[in-house]
Amino acid sequence: MIDLRSDTVSRPTKAMRQTMVTAEVGDDVFGDDPTVQRLEGRVAELLGKQAAVFVSSGTQSNLCALMAHCQRGDEYLVGDHAHTYMYEAGGAAVLGSIQPQTVPMLDSGMLDLEAARASIKPDDAHFARTRLLCIENTTDGKVLDLQQLQSGRSLADEHDLGYHLDGARLWNASVALGVLPADVAAPFDTVSVCLSKGLGAPIGSVLCGTEDLINEARKWRKMLGGAMRQVGLIAAAGEHAINNHIERLADDHRNAEALAQGLADIDGLEVDAQNTNMVFVHTVEETQDLETRLLARGIMTRWSGKNSRMVLHLDVSEADVETVITSIAEELKF
């Protein structure tokens, strides 16, 4: 089966599974799981931050960060289509009592910083206190460059705001820009990175930042039910992914480019964009049950009407890309 639904669907490699089998473990709630400690130290080092905490998911990681930065009744500035606002079940508001103040996102994926500036509340009892600016990189596979990220830092400094990066796919941004992960993370007070997307681990994210903020986030992780025991079994997979799967993300980017080029040559199909490991396409006309027909050929995709996002990852090879192109071309002939 060729699965293009997301880069979250990849399976642990044999080497990763073996690493998990032999992982040294302890009780992470007591702080004595050596594999977790090693993973946290390694990711903090890669991102140039003082400390890190291993969590079960990107949603939990972002929520721990927001609650570390903000108190009840505070607000954070966030893109109107950002993951932390749209796709994390309203956790900041429901569990953190933190008000989201949405800001329009530009086509690049960056926030409209002038709109963000205008949304910052004055020091007045009528308003929630604006405490945090939240950016996402990548968004829909689009990469924000270092200058864009630094412009957000400047706004945050101007108004004494915290600055958080939802960097679930920061690794893709780093590879695409040809810079170190620490360069992407440098402007931010806290950074959340995912291990279970392009890097191929079965579970887990890591939140990095200053020691004070990470200590606060660790407390919120416990309250949210995210403190686990012999979690080194899972952390070992993340450690393997960090050590072996970052540079190979360039393969996914190349495969996405090849897929986009091949699909663009098919009559009845148009490619809207190819960003890092994602390809966005649509059919010119309504096509009956294309998702189902591709599934019958062993290709898993997701379609919303005429539109699909196809995501490349470590379980999709160059040969698989050619199979997908040929299969879609044949199905669109009917």
Protein backbone atom coordinates (compact mmCIF):
# COMPACT_ATOMS: atom_id res chain seq x y z
CA MET A 1 0.00 0.00 0.00
CA ILE A 2 1.29 3.47 -0.96
CA ASP A 3 -0.07 5.88 1.64
CA LEU A 4 -0.01 9.58 0.71
CA ARG A 5 -2.52 10.80 3.31
CA SER A 6 0.11 12.33 5.59
CA ASP A 7 3.70 11.97 6.75
CA THR A 8 2.28 10.66 10.05
CA VAL A 9 1.45 7.25 8.51
CA SER A 10 4.99 5.89 8.15
CA ARG A 11 5.96 2.69 9.96
CA PRO A 12 8.99 2.32 12.24
CA THR A 13 11.97 0.94 10.37
CA LYS A 14 13.56 -2.35 11.41
CA ALA A 15 16.50 -0.46 12.89
CA MET A 16 14.15 1.76 14.86
CA ARG A 17 12.23 -1.22 16.20
CA GLN A 18 15.47 -2.87 17.30
CA THR A 19 16.49 0.33 19.08
CA MET A 20 13.19 0.26 20.95
CA VAL A 21 13.64 -3.39 21.95
CA THR A 22 17.03 -2.72 23.51
CA ALA A 23 16.22 0.69 25.04
CA GLU A 24 17.39 1.34 28.57
CA VAL A 25 14.45 2.62 30.61
CA GLY A 26 13.55 4.11 33.97
CA ASP A 27 10.62 5.99 35.48
CA ASP A 28 10.37 9.30 33.66
CA VAL A 29 7.99 10.77 36.27
CA PHE A 30 10.83 10.37 38.74
CA GLY A 31 13.17 11.79 36.11
CA ASP A 32 15.35 8.71 35.85
CA ASP A 33 14.68 7.33 32.37
CA PRO A 34 18.10 7.62 30.71
CA THR A 35 16.80 7.30 27.16
CA VAL A 36 14.32 10.13 27.66
CA GLN A 37 17.02 12.26 29.25
CA ARG A 38 19.34 11.61 26.32
CA LEU A 39 16.62 12.44 23.77
CA GLU A 40 15.69 15.67 25.55
CA GLY A 41 19.33 16.73 25.77
CA ARG A 42 19.98 15.91 22.13
CA VAL A 43 16.97 17.84 20.81
CA ALA A 44 17.73 20.82 23.06
CA GLU A 45 21.27 20.81 21.68
CA LEU A 46 20.09 20.58 18.07
CA LEU A 47 17.76 23.54 18.58
CA GLY A 48 20.20 25.59 20.65
CA LYS A 49 17.95 25.73 23.71
CA GLN A 50 18.64 25.28 27.42
CA ALA A 51 16.17 22.49 28.13
CA ALA A 52 13.55 20.18 26.64
CA VAL A 53 10.66 17.98 27.68
CA PHE A 54 9.43 14.88 25.84
CA VAL A 55 5.65 14.73 25.35
CA SER A 56 3.21 12.38 23.69
CA SER A 57 2.03 14.62 20.83
CA GLY A 58 2.42 17.94 19.08
CA THR A 59 -0.96 19.04 20.42
CA GLN A 60 0.19 18.42 23.97
CA SER A 61 3.52 20.10 23.28
CA ASN A 62 1.92 23.28 21.97
CA LEU A 63 -0.60 23.35 24.82
CA CYS A 64 2.12 22.95 27.44
CA ALA A 65 4.00 25.83 25.81
CA LEU A 66 0.94 28.11 25.71
CA MET A 67 0.15 27.39 29.34
CA ALA A 68 3.77 27.99 30.34
CA HIS A 69 3.72 31.41 28.66
CA CYS A 70 0.20 32.55 29.58
CA GLN A 71 -1.99 32.72 32.65
CA ARG A 72 -5.76 32.40 32.83
CA GLY A 73 -7.37 35.31 31.01
CA ASP A 74 -4.31 36.09 28.89
CA GLU A 75 -4.36 35.88 25.11
CA TYR A 76 -2.04 34.71 22.38
CA LEU A 77 -1.76 35.95 18.80
CA VAL A 78 -2.08 33.13 16.30
CA GLY A 79 -2.68 32.67 12.58
CA ASP A 80 -6.30 32.26 11.55
CA HIS A 81 -5.47 28.95 9.86
CA ALA A 82 -2.69 27.85 12.21
CA HIS A 83 -2.66 24.36 13.64
CA THR A 84 -2.68 25.52 17.26
CA TYR A 85 -5.89 27.43 16.58
CA MET A 86 -7.73 25.29 14.01
CA TYR A 87 -6.78 21.69 14.72
CA GLU A 88 -5.99 21.27 18.41
CA ALA A 89 -9.57 21.11 19.71
CA GLY A 90 -9.52 24.53 21.36
CA GLY A 91 -7.29 23.28 24.17
CA ALA A 92 -5.76 26.66 24.94
CA ALA A 93 -9.20 28.13 25.62
CA VAL A 94 -10.81 25.08 27.23
CA LEU A 95 -7.96 23.84 29.41
CA GLY A 96 -5.74 26.92 29.70
CA SER A 97 -8.39 29.66 29.79
CA ILE A 98 -6.19 31.41 27.21
CA GLN A 99 -7.96 33.53 24.62
CA PRO A 100 -6.82 33.10 21.01
CA GLN A 101 -6.62 36.33 19.04
CA THR A 102 -6.50 35.32 15.40
CA VAL A 103 -4.40 37.20 12.87
CA PRO A 104 -4.64 36.83 9.06
CA MET A 105 -1.98 34.63 7.52
CA LEU A 106 -0.20 35.67 4.35
CA ASP A 107 0.18 33.36 1.37
CA SER A 108 3.70 32.60 2.60
CA GLY A 109 2.32 31.13 5.82
CA MET A 110 3.65 34.06 7.87
CA LEU A 111 1.34 36.13 10.01
CA ASP A 112 0.42 39.59 8.83
CA LEU A 113 2.59 41.31 11.43
CA GLU A 114 0.94 44.69 10.94
CA ALA A 115 -2.40 43.08 11.72
CA ALA A 116 -0.76 41.37 14.69
CA ARG A 117 0.57 44.68 15.95
CA ALA A 118 -2.89 46.22 15.66
CA SER A 119 -4.35 43.31 17.64
CA ILE A 120 -2.12 43.75 20.67
CA LYS A 121 -4.28 44.98 23.53
CA PRO A 122 -3.55 48.09 25.59
CA ASP A 123 -2.90 47.78 29.32
CA ASP A 124 -6.54 48.18 30.29
CA ALA A 125 -8.84 46.21 32.58
CA HIS A 126 -11.32 45.76 29.74
CA PHE A 127 -8.99 43.52 27.75
CA ALA A 128 -7.26 40.19 28.00
CA ARG A 129 -3.51 40.69 28.31
CA THR A 130 -1.63 39.91 25.11
CA ARG A 131 1.24 37.69 26.20
CA LEU A 132 2.41 35.54 23.31
CA LEU A 133 3.00 35.51 19.55
CA CYS A 134 2.71 32.07 17.96
CA ILE A 135 4.18 31.19 14.52
CA GLU A 136 4.10 27.94 12.54
CA ASN A 137 6.89 26.64 10.28
CA THR A 138 6.20 24.89 7.97
CA THR A 139 2.55 25.58 7.11
CA ASP A 140 1.09 23.45 4.31
CA GLY A 141 4.68 22.60 3.57
CA LYS A 142 5.60 26.24 2.97
CA VAL A 143 8.87 27.35 4.55
CA LEU A 144 9.32 30.63 6.40
CA ASP A 145 12.87 31.91 6.02
CA LEU A 146 15.08 33.21 8.80
CA GLN A 147 14.33 36.84 8.04
CA GLN A 148 10.59 36.26 8.37
CA LEU A 149 11.06 34.45 11.65
CA GLN A 150 13.26 37.25 12.98
CA SER A 151 10.65 39.85 12.03
CA GLY A 152 8.26 38.13 14.42
CA ARG A 153 10.92 38.25 17.11
CA SER A 154 11.27 41.98 16.61
CA LEU A 155 7.53 42.50 17.08
CA ALA A 156 7.53 40.31 20.18
CA ASP A 157 10.42 42.27 21.68
CA GLU A 158 8.75 45.57 20.83
CA HIS A 159 5.72 44.64 22.95
CA ASP A 160 7.35 42.37 25.54
CA LEU A 161 5.64 39.22 24.24
CA GLY A 162 6.77 35.64 24.39
CA TYR A 163 7.47 33.98 21.03
CA HIS A 164 6.53 30.35 20.33
CA LEU A 165 7.15 28.22 17.25
CA ASP A 166 4.89 25.36 16.32
CA GLY A 167 7.72 23.64 14.49
CA ALA A 168 6.15 20.25 13.95
CA ARG A 169 7.95 20.14 10.60
CA LEU A 170 10.87 22.40 11.56
CA TRP A 171 13.16 19.64 10.30
CA ASN A 172 11.72 20.04 6.78
CA ALA A 173 12.22 23.79 6.98
CA SER A 174 15.83 23.35 8.07
CA VAL A 175 16.61 20.95 5.22
CA ALA A 176 14.82 23.10 2.64
CA LEU A 177 16.66 26.25 3.74
CA GLY A 178 20.00 24.49 4.04
CA VAL A 179 20.53 25.76 7.58
CA LEU A 180 20.89 24.15 10.99
CA PRO A 181 17.76 23.40 13.03
CA ALA A 182 19.15 25.77 15.65
CA ASP A 183 19.10 28.60 13.10
CA VAL A 184 15.38 28.11 12.57
CA ALA A 185 14.73 27.87 16.31
CA ALA A 186 17.00 30.75 17.34
CA PRO A 187 14.47 33.62 17.53
CA PHE A 188 11.98 31.73 19.71
CA ASP A 189 11.53 31.35 23.44
CA THR A 190 9.90 27.94 22.99
CA VAL A 191 9.86 25.52 20.06
CA SER A 192 7.75 22.40 19.57
CA VAL A 193 9.09 19.76 17.17
CA CYS A 194 7.46 16.53 16.06
CA LEU A 195 9.17 13.14 15.88
CA SER A 196 6.28 11.24 14.30
CA LYS A 197 5.87 13.13 11.03
CA GLY A 198 8.69 13.24 8.51
CA LEU A 199 11.15 11.67 10.93
CA GLY A 200 9.12 8.48 11.12
CA ALA A 201 8.92 7.78 14.86
CA PRO A 202 5.64 6.15 15.96
CA ILE A 203 4.84 8.76 18.60
CA GLY A 204 6.13 11.85 20.36
CA SER A 205 7.12 15.49 20.23
CA VAL A 206 9.67 17.55 22.12
CA LEU A 207 9.20 21.05 23.54
CA CYS A 208 12.38 23.10 23.91
CA GLY A 209 13.10 26.47 25.49
CA THR A 210 14.56 28.17 28.51
CA GLU A 211 14.93 26.18 31.71
CA ASP A 212 12.24 28.24 33.46
CA LEU A 213 9.68 27.80 30.68
CA ILE A 214 10.39 24.08 30.29
CA ASN A 215 10.11 23.53 34.05
CA GLU A 216 6.70 25.23 33.90
CA ALA A 217 5.72 23.18 30.85
CA ARG A 218 6.74 19.98 32.63
CA LYS A 219 4.29 20.82 35.41
CA TRP A 220 1.50 21.33 32.87
CA ARG A 221 2.44 18.05 31.15
CA LYS A 222 1.78 16.28 34.43
CA MET A 223 -1.59 18.00 34.89
CA LEU A 224 -2.59 17.13 31.32
CA GLY A 225 -1.88 13.46 31.94
CA GLY A 226 1.22 13.41 29.80
CA ALA A 227 3.78 12.27 32.38
CA MET A 228 4.59 8.64 31.58
CA ARG A 229 6.70 5.95 33.20
CA GLN A 230 9.08 3.67 31.23
CA VAL A 231 8.66 5.89 28.20
CA GLY A 232 12.23 5.30 27.08
CA LEU A 233 10.82 2.56 24.85
CA ILE A 234 9.16 5.30 22.81
CA ALA A 235 11.87 7.90 23.28
CA ALA A 236 14.35 5.43 21.76
CA ALA A 237 12.42 5.57 18.49
CA GLY A 238 12.57 9.37 18.58
CA GLU A 239 16.28 9.30 19.31
CA HIS A 240 16.86 6.97 16.36
CA ALA A 241 14.79 9.26 14.14
CA ILE A 242 16.74 12.34 15.22
CA ASN A 243 20.06 10.62 14.59
CA ASN A 244 19.19 9.02 11.25
CA HIS A 245 16.21 10.61 9.50
CA ILE A 246 16.72 14.38 9.33
CA GLU A 247 18.99 14.64 6.29
CA ARG A 248 16.93 12.08 4.37
CA LEU A 249 13.99 14.53 4.38
CA ALA A 250 15.62 15.92 1.24
CA ASP A 251 14.56 12.66 -0.46
CA ASP A 252 10.93 13.39 0.39
CA HIS A 253 11.26 16.89 -1.03
CA ARG A 254 12.71 15.53 -4.27
CA ASN A 255 10.02 12.88 -4.50
CA ALA A 256 7.35 15.52 -3.96
CA GLU A 257 8.83 17.59 -6.76
CA ALA A 258 8.85 14.55 -9.06
CA LEU A 259 5.25 13.77 -8.14
CA ALA A 260 4.18 17.36 -8.80
CA GLN A 261 5.89 17.38 -12.20
CA GLY A 262 4.34 14.07 -13.19
CA LEU A 263 0.83 15.01 -12.07
CA ALA A 264 1.06 18.37 -13.85
CA ASP A 265 1.38 16.52 -17.17
CA ILE A 266 -1.90 14.63 -16.70
CA ASP A 267 -4.91 15.96 -18.56
CA GLY A 268 -7.73 16.83 -16.20
CA LEU A 269 -5.45 17.40 -13.21
CA GLU A 270 -3.79 20.60 -12.05
CA VAL A 271 -1.06 21.04 -9.47
CA ASP A 272 -1.72 24.01 -7.21
CA ALA A 273 1.57 23.88 -5.32
CA GLN A 274 4.49 21.72 -4.25
CA ASN A 275 5.96 22.76 -0.92
CA THR A 276 8.73 20.67 0.68
CA ASN A 277 7.13 17.19 1.02
CA MET A 278 3.55 18.17 0.12
CA VAL A 279 1.78 18.34 -3.24
CA PHE A 280 -1.59 20.07 -3.60
CA VAL A 281 -3.66 19.06 -6.62
CA HIS A 282 -7.20 19.32 -7.94
CA THR A 283 -9.19 17.75 -10.72
CA VAL A 284 -10.51 20.11 -13.35
CA GLU A 285 -13.88 18.36 -13.37
CA GLU A 286 -15.81 16.38 -10.79
CA THR A 287 -14.45 12.85 -10.71
CA GLN A 288 -16.51 10.04 -9.26
CA ASP A 289 -14.94 8.02 -6.43
CA LEU A 290 -11.32 8.74 -7.38
CA GLU A 291 -10.22 8.13 -3.79
CA THR A 292 -11.94 4.73 -3.78
CA ARG A 293 -10.60 3.76 -7.19
CA LEU A 294 -7.05 4.64 -6.21
CA LEU A 295 -7.45 2.65 -3.01
CA ALA A 296 -8.36 -0.39 -5.12
CA ARG A 297 -4.98 0.09 -6.82
CA GLY A 298 -3.20 0.15 -3.47
CA ILE A 299 -2.85 3.94 -3.21
CA MET A 300 -4.29 5.73 -0.20
CA THR A 301 -5.17 9.41 -0.69
CA ARG A 302 -7.62 11.89 0.81
CA TRP A 303 -9.86 14.04 -1.37
CA SER A 304 -12.16 16.89 -0.41
CA GLY A 305 -14.28 17.41 -3.50
CA LYS A 306 -11.84 18.09 -6.32
CA ASN A 307 -8.88 18.74 -4.03
CA SER A 308 -6.20 16.57 -2.50
CA ARG A 309 -3.03 17.01 -0.45
CA MET A 310 -0.46 14.28 -1.10
CA VAL A 311 2.37 13.95 1.38
CA LEU A 312 5.69 12.20 0.82
CA HIS A 313 7.54 10.37 3.59
CA LEU A 314 10.12 7.67 4.21
CA ASP A 315 7.79 4.84 3.20
CA VAL A 316 7.24 6.28 -0.30
CA SER A 317 9.99 5.53 -2.82
CA GLU A 318 10.82 6.94 -6.25
CA ALA A 319 9.23 3.85 -7.77
CA ASP A 320 6.10 4.45 -5.73
CA VAL A 321 5.90 7.99 -7.10
CA GLU A 322 5.96 6.62 -10.65
CA THR A 323 3.23 4.14 -9.74
CA VAL A 324 1.05 6.92 -8.36
CA ILE A 325 1.50 9.09 -11.46
CA THR A 326 0.68 6.21 -13.80
CA SER A 327 -2.32 5.09 -11.77
CA ILE A 328 -3.87 8.55 -11.55
CA ALA A 329 -3.33 9.11 -15.26
CA GLU A 330 -5.10 5.85 -16.05
CA GLU A 331 -8.00 6.54 -13.69
CA LEU A 332 -8.58 10.03 -15.13
CA LYS A 333 -8.95 8.55 -18.63
CA PHE A 334 -12.24 6.94 -17.60
